[in-house]
Amino acid sequence: MTKGKNQHVVKHPEGWAVKGAGNSKATKVTRTQKEAIEVAEQIARNQQTDTKVHGVDGKIRAGNSYGNDPYPPKDKK
């Protein structure tokens, strides 16, 4: 299976947009950032990729990995 593109949540004139990495067009535009994050997470889970959440200033402020992380967290129990 081919790995998909990381999903970026970015500010959009009509609210917030979900864009695949390198795409010029938005996959989905939502009114709120929360809605866009939910869409991006669903796509990232399906494609086993990452989410990158950008703030209003355009800088990445959060993200999550839904793929095969080469450095998974170690359980300290």
C-alpha atoms as a PDB file:
ATOM      1  CA  MET A   1       0.000   0.000   0.000  1.00  0.00           C
ATOM      2  CA  THR A   2       1.330   3.415  -0.924  1.00  0.00           C
ATOM      3  CA  LYS A   3       1.730   5.824   1.935  1.00  0.00           C
ATOM      4  CA  GLY A   4      -0.495   8.906   1.660  1.00  0.00           C
ATOM      5  CA  LYS A   5       0.357  12.546   2.223  1.00  0.00           C
ATOM      6  CA  ASN A   6       0.635  14.290   5.577  1.00  0.00           C
ATOM      7  CA  GLN A   7      -2.487  16.336   6.301  1.00  0.00           C
ATOM      8  CA  HIS A   8      -2.055  20.022   7.133  1.00  0.00           C
ATOM      9  CA  VAL A   9      -4.704  22.147   8.880  1.00  0.00           C
ATOM     10  CA  VAL A  10      -4.247  25.747   7.688  1.00  0.00           C
ATOM     11  CA  LYS A  11      -6.108  29.057   7.875  1.00  0.00           C
ATOM     12  CA  HIS A  12      -8.401  29.689   4.899  1.00  0.00           C
ATOM     13  CA  PRO A  13     -10.442  32.770   3.876  1.00  0.00           C
ATOM     14  CA  GLU A  14     -13.632  30.796   4.607  1.00  0.00           C
ATOM     15  CA  GLY A  15     -12.399  29.276   7.902  1.00  0.00           C
ATOM     16  CA  TRP A  16      -9.906  26.417   8.096  1.00  0.00           C
ATOM     17  CA  ALA A  17      -8.718  24.022   5.412  1.00  0.00           C
ATOM     18  CA  VAL A  18      -7.329  20.505   5.333  1.00  0.00           C
ATOM     19  CA  LYS A  19      -4.653  20.122   2.658  1.00  0.00           C
ATOM     20  CA  GLY A  20      -2.532  17.157   1.704  1.00  0.00           C
ATOM     21  CA  ALA A  21       1.190  17.966   1.729  1.00  0.00           C
ATOM     22  CA  GLY A  22       2.167  19.638  -1.540  1.00  0.00           C
ATOM     23  CA  ASN A  23      -1.424  20.136  -2.699  1.00  0.00           C
ATOM     24  CA  SER A  24      -2.520  23.581  -3.841  1.00  0.00           C
ATOM     25  CA  LYS A  25      -6.239  22.905  -3.341  1.00  0.00           C
ATOM     26  CA  ALA A  26      -7.900  22.118  -0.035  1.00  0.00           C
ATOM     27  CA  THR A  27      -9.330  18.650   0.501  1.00  0.00           C
ATOM     28  CA  LYS A  28     -11.983  20.141   2.813  1.00  0.00           C
ATOM     29  CA  VAL A  29     -12.816  23.612   4.161  1.00  0.00           C
ATOM     30  CA  THR A  30     -14.548  23.929   7.531  1.00  0.00           C
ATOM     31  CA  ARG A  31     -15.791  26.817   9.669  1.00  0.00           C
ATOM     32  CA  THR A  32     -13.677  25.939  12.715  1.00  0.00           C
ATOM     33  CA  GLN A  33     -10.169  24.682  13.302  1.00  0.00           C
ATOM     34  CA  LYS A  34     -11.556  21.899  15.520  1.00  0.00           C
ATOM     35  CA  GLU A  35     -13.655  20.538  12.634  1.00  0.00           C
ATOM     36  CA  ALA A  36     -10.660  20.700  10.300  1.00  0.00           C
ATOM     37  CA  ILE A  37      -8.482  18.823  12.794  1.00  0.00           C
ATOM     38  CA  GLU A  38     -11.104  16.054  13.065  1.00  0.00           C
ATOM     39  CA  VAL A  39     -11.198  15.687   9.253  1.00  0.00           C
ATOM     40  CA  ALA A  40      -7.387  15.719   9.011  1.00  0.00           C
ATOM     41  CA  GLU A  41      -7.075  13.065  11.739  1.00  0.00           C
ATOM     42  CA  GLN A  42      -9.569  10.792   9.991  1.00  0.00           C
ATOM     43  CA  ILE A  43      -7.699  11.081   6.679  1.00  0.00           C
ATOM     44  CA  ALA A  44      -4.320  10.578   8.393  1.00  0.00           C
ATOM     45  CA  ARG A  45      -5.565   7.437  10.163  1.00  0.00           C
ATOM     46  CA  ASN A  46      -6.854   6.006   6.872  1.00  0.00           C
ATOM     47  CA  GLN A  47      -3.604   6.803   5.041  1.00  0.00           C
ATOM     48  CA  GLN A  48      -1.298   6.055   8.013  1.00  0.00           C
ATOM     49  CA  THR A  49       0.297   9.504   7.820  1.00  0.00           C
ATOM     50  CA  ASP A  50       0.733  12.551  10.081  1.00  0.00           C
ATOM     51  CA  THR A  51      -1.287  15.645  10.894  1.00  0.00           C
ATOM     52  CA  LYS A  52       0.315  19.088  11.082  1.00  0.00           C
ATOM     53  CA  VAL A  53      -1.854  21.754  12.713  1.00  0.00           C
ATOM     54  CA  HIS A  54      -0.880  25.319  11.841  1.00  0.00           C
ATOM     55  CA  GLY A  55      -1.820  28.345  13.929  1.00  0.00           C
ATOM     56  CA  VAL A  56      -3.257  31.589  12.556  1.00  0.00           C
ATOM     57  CA  ASP A  57       0.358  32.776  12.061  1.00  0.00           C
ATOM     58  CA  GLY A  58       1.054  29.802   9.754  1.00  0.00           C
ATOM     59  CA  LYS A  59       3.540  28.105  12.100  1.00  0.00           C
ATOM     60  CA  ILE A  60       3.027  24.453  13.002  1.00  0.00           C
ATOM     61  CA  ARG A  61       1.704  24.359  16.562  1.00  0.00           C
ATOM     62  CA  ALA A  62       0.729  20.696  16.919  1.00  0.00           C
ATOM     63  CA  GLY A  63       0.632  17.389  15.113  1.00  0.00           C
ATOM     64  CA  ASN A  64       0.207  13.676  15.476  1.00  0.00           C
ATOM     65  CA  SER A  65       1.494  10.558  13.777  1.00  0.00           C
ATOM     66  CA  TYR A  66      -0.867   7.817  12.645  1.00  0.00           C
ATOM     67  CA  GLY A  67       1.659   5.827  10.640  1.00  0.00           C
ATOM     68  CA  ASN A  68       4.554   3.564  11.380  1.00  0.00           C
ATOM     69  CA  ASP A  69       6.595   5.750  13.700  1.00  0.00           C
ATOM     70  CA  PRO A  70      10.289   4.738  13.521  1.00  0.00           C
ATOM     71  CA  TYR A  71      10.708   6.003  17.123  1.00  0.00           C
ATOM     72  CA  PRO A  72       7.544   4.980  18.991  1.00  0.00           C
ATOM     73  CA  PRO A  73       7.212   6.094  22.630  1.00  0.00           C
ATOM     74  CA  LYS A  74       8.513   3.606  25.166  1.00  0.00           C
ATOM     75  CA  ASP A  75       6.138   2.521  27.905  1.00  0.00           C
ATOM     76  CA  LYS A  76       7.796   3.262  31.271  1.00  0.00           C
ATOM     77  CA  LYS A  77       5.566   0.990  33.410  1.00  0.00           C
END
